[in-house]
Amino acid sequence: MGHDRTAALAWADRGTALCATALAGLSEEEYASPSALPGWTRKHLVAHLAANAEALGNLVRWAHTGEPTPMYASPEARAEGIAQGPRLSGAELTRWFTDSAAQLAAAMAALSESAWRAEVVTAQGRTVPAEETPYLRAREVLVHAVDLATGLTFADLPADFLRELEADIRARRGPGAVPEVAGARADVVAYLAGRSPSGPVTADGGPPADLPPWL
């Protein structure tokens, strides 16, 4: 699935700003409190976001230099990045998130048109053009801005992003993997992402079965 690069870059900037706002002023206790993702504190989640920026930066470097640079050295390396979260202070995590996001944005801004078309391989083993990386980052920061559980909901995310995300989730979950549901788009997308057990309803007016978290 292709995504408009200009729109995706704007979504990534918006998601970064939403995350930064969500993190601003959190106490150490609040930082260590649970996120909306089962088993993850906000510290785990912010470490994941920072490490993700660095990992996508590897793909941008790959596109720029032509030298294969995987997102993560191994699945264990990805897990270790997340595990760093509880070992760092809130201030250290905020700085890591801010710096890594800025470095990724700068690296993307420096890519040539030919580099954007270069093929890279995601952590899931998919071969994609580098111009898919802004959407991959936008998806992370926008969905996880909600997962930080500071009051944001899917209704706070850009409407055009929600349309793209809905199509993305349906395609990746697979035909027939999710029930047809009705409701406000933000509620439907939250449900499809496994984030909202209420809101959307099935054709018979009842609640749909819960879905596991996606992303």
C-alpha atoms as a PDB file:
ATOM      1  CA  MET A   1       0.000   0.000   0.000  1.00  0.00           C
ATOM      2  CA  GLY A   2       1.482   3.345  -1.062  1.00  0.00           C
ATOM      3  CA  HIS A   3       1.082   6.467   1.050  1.00  0.00           C
ATOM      4  CA  ASP A   4       1.435  10.097   0.038  1.00  0.00           C
ATOM      5  CA  ARG A   5       4.848  11.155   1.294  1.00  0.00           C
ATOM      6  CA  THR A   6       3.982  14.800   1.929  1.00  0.00           C
ATOM      7  CA  ALA A   7       0.934  13.868   3.955  1.00  0.00           C
ATOM      8  CA  ALA A   8       2.842  11.183   5.866  1.00  0.00           C
ATOM      9  CA  LEU A   9       5.642  13.595   6.779  1.00  0.00           C
ATOM     10  CA  ALA A  10       3.050  16.013   8.133  1.00  0.00           C
ATOM     11  CA  TRP A  11       1.377  13.216  10.100  1.00  0.00           C
ATOM     12  CA  ALA A  12       4.731  12.213  11.588  1.00  0.00           C
ATOM     13  CA  ASP A  13       5.361  15.804  12.668  1.00  0.00           C
ATOM     14  CA  ARG A  14       1.889  15.960  14.194  1.00  0.00           C
ATOM     15  CA  GLY A  15       2.369  12.700  16.052  1.00  0.00           C
ATOM     16  CA  THR A  16       5.731  13.816  17.390  1.00  0.00           C
ATOM     17  CA  ALA A  17       4.157  17.035  18.665  1.00  0.00           C
ATOM     18  CA  LEU A  18       1.261  15.153  20.295  1.00  0.00           C
ATOM     19  CA  CYS A  19       3.665  12.805  22.056  1.00  0.00           C
ATOM     20  CA  ALA A  20       5.831  15.691  23.222  1.00  0.00           C
ATOM     21  CA  THR A  21       2.788  17.473  24.621  1.00  0.00           C
ATOM     22  CA  ALA A  22       1.622  14.298  26.345  1.00  0.00           C
ATOM     23  CA  LEU A  23       5.026  13.854  27.991  1.00  0.00           C
ATOM     24  CA  ALA A  24       5.506  17.456  29.054  1.00  0.00           C
ATOM     25  CA  GLY A  25       5.245  17.871  32.778  1.00  0.00           C
ATOM     26  CA  LEU A  26       4.827  14.189  33.647  1.00  0.00           C
ATOM     27  CA  SER A  27       6.196  13.413  37.083  1.00  0.00           C
ATOM     28  CA  GLU A  28       8.548  10.469  37.539  1.00  0.00           C
ATOM     29  CA  GLU A  29       5.670   8.543  39.094  1.00  0.00           C
ATOM     30  CA  GLU A  30       3.364   9.354  36.186  1.00  0.00           C
ATOM     31  CA  TYR A  31       6.064   8.375  33.696  1.00  0.00           C
ATOM     32  CA  ALA A  32       6.390   4.990  35.393  1.00  0.00           C
ATOM     33  CA  SER A  33       2.614   4.421  35.421  1.00  0.00           C
ATOM     34  CA  PRO A  34       0.882   2.004  33.033  1.00  0.00           C
ATOM     35  CA  SER A  35       0.274   3.008  29.440  1.00  0.00           C
ATOM     36  CA  ALA A  36      -2.788   1.818  27.555  1.00  0.00           C
ATOM     37  CA  LEU A  37      -0.795  -1.149  26.209  1.00  0.00           C
ATOM     38  CA  PRO A  38      -0.976  -4.265  28.406  1.00  0.00           C
ATOM     39  CA  GLY A  39       2.235  -4.819  30.349  1.00  0.00           C
ATOM     40  CA  TRP A  40       3.897  -1.581  29.248  1.00  0.00           C
ATOM     41  CA  THR A  41       4.475   1.514  31.337  1.00  0.00           C
ATOM     42  CA  ARG A  42       4.789   4.906  29.706  1.00  0.00           C
ATOM     43  CA  LYS A  43       8.551   4.443  30.072  1.00  0.00           C
ATOM     44  CA  HIS A  44       8.458   1.259  27.989  1.00  0.00           C
ATOM     45  CA  LEU A  45       6.387   3.026  25.346  1.00  0.00           C
ATOM     46  CA  VAL A  46       8.593   6.105  25.071  1.00  0.00           C
ATOM     47  CA  ALA A  47      11.716   3.941  24.882  1.00  0.00           C
ATOM     48  CA  HIS A  48      10.026   2.032  22.044  1.00  0.00           C
ATOM     49  CA  LEU A  49       9.228   5.267  20.206  1.00  0.00           C
ATOM     50  CA  ALA A  50      12.775   6.576  20.588  1.00  0.00           C
ATOM     51  CA  ALA A  51      14.326   3.295  19.486  1.00  0.00           C
ATOM     52  CA  ASN A  52      11.891   3.165  16.562  1.00  0.00           C
ATOM     53  CA  ALA A  53      13.073   6.574  15.365  1.00  0.00           C
ATOM     54  CA  GLU A  54      16.650   5.331  15.429  1.00  0.00           C
ATOM     55  CA  ALA A  55      15.649   2.113  13.644  1.00  0.00           C
ATOM     56  CA  LEU A  56      13.822   3.952  10.878  1.00  0.00           C
ATOM     57  CA  GLY A  57      16.854   6.219  10.685  1.00  0.00           C
ATOM     58  CA  ASN A  58      18.816   3.103   9.721  1.00  0.00           C
ATOM     59  CA  LEU A  59      16.472   2.585   6.771  1.00  0.00           C
ATOM     60  CA  VAL A  60      16.824   6.223   5.749  1.00  0.00           C
ATOM     61  CA  ARG A  61      20.614   5.822   5.907  1.00  0.00           C
ATOM     62  CA  TRP A  62      20.290   2.664   3.775  1.00  0.00           C
ATOM     63  CA  ALA A  63      18.347   4.601   1.161  1.00  0.00           C
ATOM     64  CA  HIS A  64      20.861   7.467   1.234  1.00  0.00           C
ATOM     65  CA  THR A  65      24.040   5.395   1.020  1.00  0.00           C
ATOM     66  CA  GLY A  66      22.898   2.199  -0.686  1.00  0.00           C
ATOM     67  CA  GLU A  67      24.545   0.203   2.116  1.00  0.00           C
ATOM     68  CA  PRO A  68      22.078  -2.301   3.656  1.00  0.00           C
ATOM     69  CA  THR A  69      21.371  -1.221   7.241  1.00  0.00           C
ATOM     70  CA  PRO A  70      18.619  -3.189   8.996  1.00  0.00           C
ATOM     71  CA  MET A  71      16.265  -1.471  11.396  1.00  0.00           C
ATOM     72  CA  TYR A  72      17.460  -3.616  14.294  1.00  0.00           C
ATOM     73  CA  ALA A  73      20.524  -5.830  14.590  1.00  0.00           C
ATOM     74  CA  SER A  74      18.251  -8.612  15.897  1.00  0.00           C
ATOM     75  CA  PRO A  75      14.859  -9.158  17.544  1.00  0.00           C
ATOM     76  CA  GLU A  76      16.742  -9.171  20.837  1.00  0.00           C
ATOM     77  CA  ALA A  77      18.164  -5.737  20.101  1.00  0.00           C
ATOM     78  CA  ARG A  78      14.656  -4.398  19.513  1.00  0.00           C
ATOM     79  CA  ALA A  79      13.476  -5.870  22.819  1.00  0.00           C
ATOM     80  CA  GLU A  80      16.471  -4.424  24.633  1.00  0.00           C
ATOM     81  CA  GLY A  81      15.625  -0.938  23.382  1.00  0.00           C
ATOM     82  CA  ILE A  82      12.173  -1.209  24.942  1.00  0.00           C
ATOM     83  CA  ALA A  83      13.568  -2.707  28.131  1.00  0.00           C
ATOM     84  CA  GLN A  84      15.784   0.344  28.615  1.00  0.00           C
ATOM     85  CA  GLY A  85      12.720   2.421  29.439  1.00  0.00           C
ATOM     86  CA  PRO A  86      12.285   1.562  33.133  1.00  0.00           C
ATOM     87  CA  ARG A  87      16.043   1.984  33.684  1.00  0.00           C
ATOM     88  CA  LEU A  88      15.985   5.623  32.545  1.00  0.00           C
ATOM     89  CA  SER A  89      14.539   8.691  34.196  1.00  0.00           C
ATOM     90  CA  GLY A  90      11.611  10.522  32.667  1.00  0.00           C
ATOM     91  CA  ALA A  91      13.896  13.403  31.701  1.00  0.00           C
ATOM     92  CA  GLU A  92      16.321  11.037  29.976  1.00  0.00           C
ATOM     93  CA  LEU A  93      13.500   9.368  28.075  1.00  0.00           C
ATOM     94  CA  THR A  94      12.001  12.668  26.968  1.00  0.00           C
ATOM     95  CA  ARG A  95      15.412  13.793  25.729  1.00  0.00           C
ATOM     96  CA  TRP A  96      15.954  10.480  23.887  1.00  0.00           C
ATOM     97  CA  PHE A  97      12.526  10.744  22.263  1.00  0.00           C
ATOM     98  CA  THR A  98      13.024  14.381  21.269  1.00  0.00           C
ATOM     99  CA  ASP A  99      16.548  13.959  19.927  1.00  0.00           C
ATOM    100  CA  SER A 100      15.840  10.760  17.992  1.00  0.00           C
ATOM    101  CA  ALA A 101      12.702  12.222  16.423  1.00  0.00           C
ATOM    102  CA  ALA A 102      14.571  15.362  15.362  1.00  0.00           C
ATOM    103  CA  GLN A 103      17.441  13.354  13.895  1.00  0.00           C
ATOM    104  CA  LEU A 104      15.034  11.173  11.920  1.00  0.00           C
ATOM    105  CA  ALA A 105      13.151  14.201  10.580  1.00  0.00           C
ATOM    106  CA  ALA A 106      16.430  15.834   9.511  1.00  0.00           C
ATOM    107  CA  ALA A 107      17.630  12.658   7.798  1.00  0.00           C
ATOM    108  CA  MET A 108      14.357  12.354   5.909  1.00  0.00           C
ATOM    109  CA  ALA A 109      14.500  15.993   4.855  1.00  0.00           C
ATOM    110  CA  ALA A 110      17.943  15.380   3.336  1.00  0.00           C
ATOM    111  CA  LEU A 111      16.900  12.464   1.107  1.00  0.00           C
ATOM    112  CA  SER A 112      16.978  12.971  -2.652  1.00  0.00           C
ATOM    113  CA  GLU A 113      14.135  11.908  -4.910  1.00  0.00           C
ATOM    114  CA  SER A 114      16.117   8.896  -6.102  1.00  0.00           C
ATOM    115  CA  ALA A 115      16.886   7.895  -2.498  1.00  0.00           C
ATOM    116  CA  TRP A 116      13.195   8.043  -1.596  1.00  0.00           C
ATOM    117  CA  ARG A 117      12.604   5.447  -4.318  1.00  0.00           C
ATOM    118  CA  ALA A 118      15.354   3.120  -3.055  1.00  0.00           C
ATOM    119  CA  GLU A 119      14.170  -0.192  -1.659  1.00  0.00           C
ATOM    120  CA  VAL A 120      14.720  -1.039   2.010  1.00  0.00           C
ATOM    121  CA  VAL A 121      13.590  -3.924   4.216  1.00  0.00           C
ATOM    122  CA  THR A 122      11.445  -3.403   7.307  1.00  0.00           C
ATOM    123  CA  ALA A 123      11.835  -5.259  10.600  1.00  0.00           C
ATOM    124  CA  GLN A 124       8.963  -7.509   9.446  1.00  0.00           C
ATOM    125  CA  GLY A 125      10.899  -8.468   6.335  1.00  0.00           C
ATOM    126  CA  ARG A 126       8.844  -6.424   3.869  1.00  0.00           C
ATOM    127  CA  THR A 127      10.698  -4.787   0.989  1.00  0.00           C
ATOM    128  CA  VAL A 128       9.350  -1.257   0.520  1.00  0.00           C
ATOM    129  CA  PRO A 129      10.515   2.003  -1.058  1.00  0.00           C
ATOM    130  CA  ALA A 130      12.084   4.395   1.441  1.00  0.00           C
ATOM    131  CA  GLU A 131       9.199   6.777   0.902  1.00  0.00           C
ATOM    132  CA  GLU A 132       7.095   4.420   3.033  1.00  0.00           C
ATOM    133  CA  THR A 133       9.188   5.290   6.108  1.00  0.00           C
ATOM    134  CA  PRO A 134       7.362   8.564   6.915  1.00  0.00           C
ATOM    135  CA  TYR A 135       4.070   6.672   7.124  1.00  0.00           C
ATOM    136  CA  LEU A 136       5.665   3.964   9.267  1.00  0.00           C
ATOM    137  CA  ARG A 137       6.830   6.670  11.672  1.00  0.00           C
ATOM    138  CA  ALA A 138       3.521   8.545  11.570  1.00  0.00           C
ATOM    139  CA  ARG A 139       1.688   5.358  12.466  1.00  0.00           C
ATOM    140  CA  GLU A 140       3.925   4.814  15.489  1.00  0.00           C
ATOM    141  CA  VAL A 141       3.791   8.311  16.952  1.00  0.00           C
ATOM    142  CA  LEU A 142       0.102   8.957  16.307  1.00  0.00           C
ATOM    143  CA  VAL A 143      -1.253   5.651  17.609  1.00  0.00           C
ATOM    144  CA  HIS A 144       1.131   5.566  20.545  1.00  0.00           C
ATOM    145  CA  ALA A 145       0.341   9.188  21.440  1.00  0.00           C
ATOM    146  CA  VAL A 146      -3.075   7.803  22.379  1.00  0.00           C
ATOM    147  CA  ASP A 147      -1.489   4.810  24.109  1.00  0.00           C
ATOM    148  CA  LEU A 148       0.380   7.166  26.444  1.00  0.00           C
ATOM    149  CA  ALA A 149      -2.991   7.501  28.198  1.00  0.00           C
ATOM    150  CA  THR A 150      -2.807  11.189  29.004  1.00  0.00           C
ATOM    151  CA  GLY A 151      -6.248  12.027  27.599  1.00  0.00           C
ATOM    152  CA  LEU A 152      -5.781  11.843  23.832  1.00  0.00           C
ATOM    153  CA  THR A 153      -8.161   9.677  21.813  1.00  0.00           C
ATOM    154  CA  PHE A 154      -8.311   8.557  18.199  1.00  0.00           C
ATOM    155  CA  ALA A 155     -10.676  11.474  17.619  1.00  0.00           C
ATOM    156  CA  ASP A 156      -7.685  13.789  18.176  1.00  0.00           C
ATOM    157  CA  LEU A 157      -5.778  12.262  15.256  1.00  0.00           C
ATOM    158  CA  PRO A 158      -5.871  13.732  11.714  1.00  0.00           C
ATOM    159  CA  ALA A 159      -8.952  12.621   9.787  1.00  0.00           C
ATOM    160  CA  ASP A 160      -7.005  11.794   6.613  1.00  0.00           C
ATOM    161  CA  PHE A 161      -4.575   9.700   8.669  1.00  0.00           C
ATOM    162  CA  LEU A 162      -7.479   7.760  10.194  1.00  0.00           C
ATOM    163  CA  ARG A 163      -8.746   6.898   6.712  1.00  0.00           C
ATOM    164  CA  GLU A 164      -5.323   5.572   5.724  1.00  0.00           C
ATOM    165  CA  LEU A 165      -4.903   3.717   9.012  1.00  0.00           C
ATOM    166  CA  GLU A 166      -8.271   1.993   8.690  1.00  0.00           C
ATOM    167  CA  ALA A 167      -7.394   0.678   5.240  1.00  0.00           C
ATOM    168  CA  ASP A 168      -3.944  -0.349   6.478  1.00  0.00           C
ATOM    169  CA  ILE A 169      -5.260  -2.301   9.470  1.00  0.00           C
ATOM    170  CA  ARG A 170      -7.969  -4.051   7.473  1.00  0.00           C
ATOM    171  CA  ALA A 171      -5.410  -5.114   4.867  1.00  0.00           C
ATOM    172  CA  ARG A 172      -2.913  -6.361   7.431  1.00  0.00           C
ATOM    173  CA  ARG A 173      -5.403  -8.146   9.664  1.00  0.00           C
ATOM    174  CA  GLY A 174      -6.653  -9.901   6.538  1.00  0.00           C
ATOM    175  CA  PRO A 175     -10.025 -10.448   4.807  1.00  0.00           C
ATOM    176  CA  GLY A 176     -12.680 -11.676   7.186  1.00  0.00           C
ATOM    177  CA  ALA A 177     -10.450 -11.261  10.242  1.00  0.00           C
ATOM    178  CA  VAL A 178     -12.545  -8.455  11.714  1.00  0.00           C
ATOM    179  CA  PRO A 179     -16.322  -8.028  11.869  1.00  0.00           C
ATOM    180  CA  GLU A 180     -18.055  -5.264   9.985  1.00  0.00           C
ATOM    181  CA  VAL A 181     -18.830  -2.512  12.464  1.00  0.00           C
ATOM    182  CA  ALA A 182     -20.551   0.862  12.323  1.00  0.00           C
ATOM    183  CA  GLY A 183     -19.835   4.057  14.210  1.00  0.00           C
ATOM    184  CA  ALA A 184     -17.766   7.232  14.076  1.00  0.00           C
ATOM    185  CA  ARG A 185     -14.574   6.666  12.092  1.00  0.00           C
ATOM    186  CA  ALA A 186     -12.329   7.403  15.081  1.00  0.00           C
ATOM    187  CA  ASP A 187     -14.181   4.815  17.152  1.00  0.00           C
ATOM    188  CA  VAL A 188     -14.101   2.249  14.359  1.00  0.00           C
ATOM    189  CA  VAL A 189     -10.357   2.709  13.816  1.00  0.00           C
ATOM    190  CA  ALA A 190      -9.693   2.518  17.552  1.00  0.00           C
ATOM    191  CA  TYR A 191     -11.638  -0.748  17.613  1.00  0.00           C
ATOM    192  CA  LEU A 192      -9.782  -2.155  14.597  1.00  0.00           C
ATOM    193  CA  ALA A 193      -6.492  -1.255  16.298  1.00  0.00           C
ATOM    194  CA  GLY A 194      -7.580  -3.205  19.348  1.00  0.00           C
ATOM    195  CA  ARG A 195      -7.768  -0.075  21.489  1.00  0.00           C
ATOM    196  CA  SER A 196     -11.475   0.414  22.108  1.00  0.00           C
ATOM    197  CA  PRO A 197     -13.926  -2.264  23.253  1.00  0.00           C
ATOM    198  CA  SER A 198     -16.887   0.109  23.092  1.00  0.00           C
ATOM    199  CA  GLY A 199     -18.357   2.516  20.555  1.00  0.00           C
ATOM    200  CA  PRO A 200     -18.701   0.604  17.277  1.00  0.00           C
ATOM    201  CA  VAL A 201     -21.538  -1.891  16.875  1.00  0.00           C
ATOM    202  CA  THR A 202     -22.099  -4.854  14.587  1.00  0.00           C
ATOM    203  CA  ALA A 203     -24.871  -5.113  12.007  1.00  0.00           C
ATOM    204  CA  ASP A 204     -27.247  -6.531  14.607  1.00  0.00           C
ATOM    205  CA  GLY A 205     -26.573  -3.624  16.963  1.00  0.00           C
ATOM    206  CA  GLY A 206     -24.516  -5.600  19.440  1.00  0.00           C
ATOM    207  CA  PRO A 207     -20.928  -5.066  20.615  1.00  0.00           C
ATOM    208  CA  PRO A 208     -18.218  -6.649  18.463  1.00  0.00           C
ATOM    209  CA  ALA A 209     -15.724  -9.154  19.860  1.00  0.00           C
ATOM    210  CA  ASP A 210     -12.549  -7.640  21.271  1.00  0.00           C
ATOM    211  CA  LEU A 211      -9.506  -7.563  18.995  1.00  0.00           C
ATOM    212  CA  PRO A 212      -5.906  -7.874  20.181  1.00  0.00           C
ATOM    213  CA  PRO A 213      -3.772  -4.717  20.024  1.00  0.00           C
ATOM    214  CA  TRP A 214      -2.366  -4.010  16.562  1.00  0.00           C
ATOM    215  CA  LEU A 215       0.978  -2.167  16.318  1.00  0.00           C
END
